[in-house]
C-alpha atoms as a PDB file:
ATOM      1  CA  MET A   1      -6.714  18.014   5.213  1.00  0.00           C
ATOM      2  CA  VAL A   2      -8.046  16.959   1.392  1.00  0.00           C
ATOM      3  CA  PRO A   3     -10.946  14.170   1.755  1.00  0.00           C
ATOM      4  CA  LEU A   4     -11.395  12.275  -1.529  1.00  0.00           C
ATOM      5  CA  ILE A   5     -14.515   9.806  -2.003  1.00  0.00           C
ATOM      6  CA  PHE A   6     -14.033   7.496  -4.556  1.00  0.00           C
ATOM      7  CA  ARG A   7     -17.374   6.181  -6.488  1.00  0.00           C
ATOM      8  CA  ARG A   8     -19.893   3.993  -4.177  1.00  0.00           C
ATOM      9  CA  VAL A   9     -18.219   0.017  -3.621  1.00  0.00           C
ATOM     10  CA  ARG A  10     -20.115  -3.179  -2.571  1.00  0.00           C
ATOM     11  CA  ASP A  11     -22.843  -2.342  -0.409  1.00  0.00           C
ATOM     12  CA  ASN A  12     -22.892   1.252  -1.010  1.00  0.00           C
ATOM     13  CA  ARG A  13     -20.628   2.552   1.485  1.00  0.00           C
ATOM     14  CA  ALA A  14     -18.230   5.729   0.237  1.00  0.00           C
ATOM     15  CA  VAL A  15     -14.897   5.156   0.094  1.00  0.00           C
ATOM     16  CA  THR A  16     -12.044   7.821   1.348  1.00  0.00           C
ATOM     17  CA  LEU A  17      -8.458   9.055   1.229  1.00  0.00           C
ATOM     18  CA  LYS A  18      -7.690  11.527   3.521  1.00  0.00           C
ATOM     19  CA  ILE A  19      -4.315  13.171   3.228  1.00  0.00           C
ATOM     20  CA  HIS A  20      -2.833  15.286   6.190  1.00  0.00           C
ATOM     21  CA  ILE A  21      -0.397  18.141   4.462  1.00  0.00           C
ATOM     22  CA  ASP A  22       0.319  19.091   7.734  1.00  0.00           C
ATOM     23  CA  ASP A  23       1.119  15.637   8.785  1.00  0.00           C
ATOM     24  CA  GLY A  24       5.016  13.584   9.035  1.00  0.00           C
ATOM     25  CA  ALA A  25       4.567  11.378   6.745  1.00  0.00           C
ATOM     26  CA  PRO A  26       4.750  12.309   2.615  1.00  0.00           C
ATOM     27  CA  PRO A  27       1.837  12.574   1.061  1.00  0.00           C
ATOM     28  CA  TYR A  28       2.817   9.720  -1.750  1.00  0.00           C
ATOM     29  CA  GLU A  29       3.041   7.043   1.574  1.00  0.00           C
ATOM     30  CA  GLN A  30      -0.314   8.357   2.702  1.00  0.00           C
ATOM     31  CA  VAL A  31      -1.827   7.928  -0.552  1.00  0.00           C
ATOM     32  CA  ARG A  32      -0.155   4.225  -0.437  1.00  0.00           C
ATOM     33  CA  ALA A  33      -1.059   3.511   2.872  1.00  0.00           C
ATOM     34  CA  GLN A  34      -4.486   4.008   2.275  1.00  0.00           C
ATOM     35  CA  ILE A  35      -5.154   2.861  -0.982  1.00  0.00           C
ATOM     36  CA  SER A  36      -3.393  -0.813   0.556  1.00  0.00           C
ATOM     37  CA  GLU A  37      -4.936  -0.778   4.083  1.00  0.00           C
ATOM     38  CA  GLN A  38      -8.444  -0.237   2.123  1.00  0.00           C
ATOM     39  CA  ALA A  39      -7.696  -3.157  -0.358  1.00  0.00           C
ATOM     40  CA  ARG A  40      -6.494  -5.195   1.994  1.00  0.00           C
ATOM     41  CA  SER A  41      -9.470  -4.485   4.568  1.00  0.00           C
ATOM     42  CA  GLY A  42     -11.780  -5.486   1.191  1.00  0.00           C
ATOM     43  CA  ALA A  43     -12.790  -1.704   1.663  1.00  0.00           C
ATOM     44  CA  LEU A  44     -12.291  -1.436  -1.742  1.00  0.00           C
ATOM     45  CA  PRO A  45     -12.664  -5.026  -3.587  1.00  0.00           C
ATOM     46  CA  VAL A  46     -10.444  -7.199  -5.666  1.00  0.00           C
ATOM     47  CA  GLY A  47     -10.916  -5.615  -9.244  1.00  0.00           C
ATOM     48  CA  TYR A  48     -11.990  -2.130  -8.168  1.00  0.00           C
ATOM     49  CA  ARG A  49     -11.261   0.523 -10.905  1.00  0.00           C
ATOM     50  CA  LEU A  50      -9.115   2.821  -9.135  1.00  0.00           C
ATOM     51  CA  PRO A  51      -9.108   6.784 -10.618  1.00  0.00           C
ATOM     52  CA  THR A  52      -5.887   7.452 -13.449  1.00  0.00           C
ATOM     53  CA  VAL A  53      -3.076   9.032 -11.660  1.00  0.00           C
ATOM     54  CA  ARG A  54      -3.905  12.387 -13.147  1.00  0.00           C
ATOM     55  CA  GLY A  55      -7.346  12.342 -12.141  1.00  0.00           C
ATOM     56  CA  LEU A  56      -6.920  11.466  -8.452  1.00  0.00           C
ATOM     57  CA  ALA A  57      -3.989  14.089  -8.667  1.00  0.00           C
ATOM     58  CA  GLY A  58      -6.774  16.839  -9.705  1.00  0.00           C
ATOM     59  CA  THR A  59      -8.958  15.406  -6.929  1.00  0.00           C
ATOM     60  CA  LEU A  60      -6.465  15.671  -4.530  1.00  0.00           C
ATOM     61  CA  GLY A  61      -4.758  18.860  -5.359  1.00  0.00           C
ATOM     62  CA  LEU A  62      -1.681  16.502  -5.826  1.00  0.00           C
ATOM     63  CA  ALA A  63       0.976  16.290  -7.711  1.00  0.00           C
ATOM     64  CA  ALA A  64       0.373  13.573 -10.938  1.00  0.00           C
ATOM     65  CA  ASN A  65       3.964  12.682 -10.030  1.00  0.00           C
ATOM     66  CA  THR A  66       3.306  12.251  -6.482  1.00  0.00           C
ATOM     67  CA  VAL A  67      -0.083  10.200  -7.572  1.00  0.00           C
ATOM     68  CA  ALA A  68       2.117   8.438  -9.502  1.00  0.00           C
ATOM     69  CA  LYS A  69       5.219   7.083  -7.228  1.00  0.00           C
ATOM     70  CA  ALA A  70       2.254   6.286  -4.558  1.00  0.00           C
ATOM     71  CA  TYR A  71       0.517   3.588  -7.773  1.00  0.00           C
ATOM     72  CA  ARG A  72       4.100   2.467  -8.818  1.00  0.00           C
ATOM     73  CA  ALA A  73       4.861   1.675  -4.811  1.00  0.00           C
ATOM     74  CA  LEU A  74       1.000  -0.363  -4.717  1.00  0.00           C
ATOM     75  CA  GLU A  75       2.141  -1.798  -8.020  1.00  0.00           C
ATOM     76  CA  ALA A  76       5.757  -3.380  -6.704  1.00  0.00           C
ATOM     77  CA  ASP A  77       3.780  -4.280  -3.211  1.00  0.00           C
ATOM     78  CA  GLY A  78       0.989  -6.183  -5.521  1.00  0.00           C
ATOM     79  CA  VAL A  79      -2.057  -4.308  -4.444  1.00  0.00           C
ATOM     80  CA  ILE A  80      -2.786  -2.739  -7.504  1.00  0.00           C
ATOM     81  CA  GLU A  81      -2.159  -4.008 -11.003  1.00  0.00           C
ATOM     82  CA  THR A  82      -2.157  -1.180 -13.433  1.00  0.00           C
ATOM     83  CA  ARG A  83      -4.189  -3.535 -17.248  1.00  0.00           C
ATOM     84  CA  GLY A  84      -2.780  -0.528 -19.617  1.00  0.00           C
ATOM     85  CA  ARG A  85      -6.066   1.129 -21.304  1.00  0.00           C
ATOM     86  CA  ASN A  86      -8.656  -0.767 -18.840  1.00  0.00           C
ATOM     87  CA  GLY A  87      -7.062   0.986 -16.010  1.00  0.00           C
ATOM     88  CA  THR A  88      -5.381   0.439 -12.333  1.00  0.00           C
ATOM     89  CA  VAL A  89      -7.572  -2.284 -10.601  1.00  0.00           C
ATOM     90  CA  VAL A  90      -7.181  -3.555  -7.009  1.00  0.00           C
ATOM     91  CA  ALA A  91      -5.268  -7.014  -7.253  1.00  0.00           C
ATOM     92  CA  ALA A  92      -6.329 -10.198  -5.873  1.00  0.00           C
ATOM     93  CA  ALA A  93      -4.517 -10.512  -3.127  1.00  0.00           C
ATOM     94  CA  GLY A  94      -3.159 -13.445  -0.995  1.00  0.00           C
ATOM     95  CA  SER A  95      -0.460 -16.178  -3.076  1.00  0.00           C
ATOM     96  CA  ALA A  96       1.596 -14.098  -4.774  1.00  0.00           C
ATOM     97  CA  ALA A  97       2.329 -11.292  -1.462  1.00  0.00           C
ATOM     98  CA  GLN A  98       2.696 -14.315   0.355  1.00  0.00           C
ATOM     99  CA  ARG A  99       5.033 -16.003  -1.599  1.00  0.00           C
ATOM    100  CA  GLU A 100       7.166 -12.499  -1.882  1.00  0.00           C
ATOM    101  CA  ALA A 101       6.772 -11.899   1.795  1.00  0.00           C
ATOM    102  CA  ALA A 102       8.083 -15.500   1.830  1.00  0.00           C
ATOM    103  CA  SER A 103      10.847 -14.998   0.179  1.00  0.00           C
ATOM    104  CA  ALA A 104      11.674 -11.675   2.052  1.00  0.00           C
ATOM    105  CA  ALA A 105      11.277 -13.213   5.071  1.00  0.00           C
ATOM    106  CA  GLN A 106      14.142 -16.507   3.544  1.00  0.00           C
ATOM    107  CA  GLY A 107      16.325 -13.370   2.979  1.00  0.00           C
ATOM    108  CA  TYR A 108      16.221 -11.871   6.236  1.00  0.00           C
ATOM    109  CA  ALA A 109      16.531 -14.685   7.918  1.00  0.00           C
ATOM    110  CA  GLU A 110      19.648 -16.219   5.686  1.00  0.00           C
ATOM    111  CA  ARG A 111      21.523 -12.402   6.262  1.00  0.00           C
ATOM    112  CA  ALA A 112      20.605 -12.555   9.566  1.00  0.00           C
ATOM    113  CA  ARG A 113      22.496 -15.159  10.573  1.00  0.00           C
ATOM    114  CA  ARG A 114      25.407 -14.574   8.339  1.00  0.00           C
ATOM    115  CA  LEU A 115      25.904 -11.316  10.772  1.00  0.00           C
ATOM    116  CA  GLY A 116      25.694 -14.292  14.068  1.00  0.00           C
ATOM    117  CA  LEU A 117      22.421 -12.390  15.388  1.00  0.00           C
ATOM    118  CA  THR A 118      20.509 -15.084  17.815  1.00  0.00           C
ATOM    119  CA  GLU A 119      16.983 -16.354  16.709  1.00  0.00           C
ATOM    120  CA  ASP A 120      16.046 -13.805  19.596  1.00  0.00           C
ATOM    121  CA  GLU A 121      17.385 -10.770  18.485  1.00  0.00           C
ATOM    122  CA  ALA A 122      17.089 -11.874  14.799  1.00  0.00           C
ATOM    123  CA  LEU A 123      12.735 -12.097  15.958  1.00  0.00           C
ATOM    124  CA  ALA A 124      13.355  -8.654  18.231  1.00  0.00           C
ATOM    125  CA  ALA A 125      14.563  -6.417  15.248  1.00  0.00           C
ATOM    126  CA  VAL A 126      11.847  -7.725  12.972  1.00  0.00           C
ATOM    127  CA  ARG A 127       8.772  -7.044  15.922  1.00  0.00           C
ATOM    128  CA  ASP A 128      10.856  -3.601  15.391  1.00  0.00           C
ATOM    129  CA  ALA A 129       9.933  -3.287  12.309  1.00  0.00           C
ATOM    130  CA  LEU A 130       6.708  -3.840  12.680  1.00  0.00           C
ATOM    131  CA  ARG A 131       6.074  -1.915  14.978  1.00  0.00           C
ATOM    132  CA  ALA A 132       7.156   0.500  13.265  1.00  0.00           C
ATOM    133  CA  ALA A 133       5.674  -0.228   9.433  1.00  0.00           C
ATOM    134  CA  PHE A 134       1.697  -0.968  11.279  1.00  0.00           C
ATOM    135  CA  GLY A 135       1.575   1.044  14.682  1.00  0.00           C
ATOM    136  CA  PRO A 136       1.723  -0.097  18.255  1.00  0.00           C
END
């Protein structure tokens, strides 16, 4: 396990990332999931400037490409945004993420209907996928 403590935010709490090398999850996914969760919970506030890819990689003892992959996934999910020379910051959550989720849900609903699934079967598949993604 390699802990990383970000600078203190808001009420002087330290924000941390913990990478478990022996864990089954790849390191980039651990970085992505932890930053995403901390942004969602407010531990990393909107506008919080994240370390550079190289800086975070060096601190965690990971390859820069590993952290870059996590940052790309976070940016694609709308969790963070890159502002060029101004760095990478936690993005405002809400409407953009909700619109993207609604669009994905609409696409899934149409696909499930074309496959001939009943509403209950489609919902069961979604529940299974959510449990797999978010845990029990």
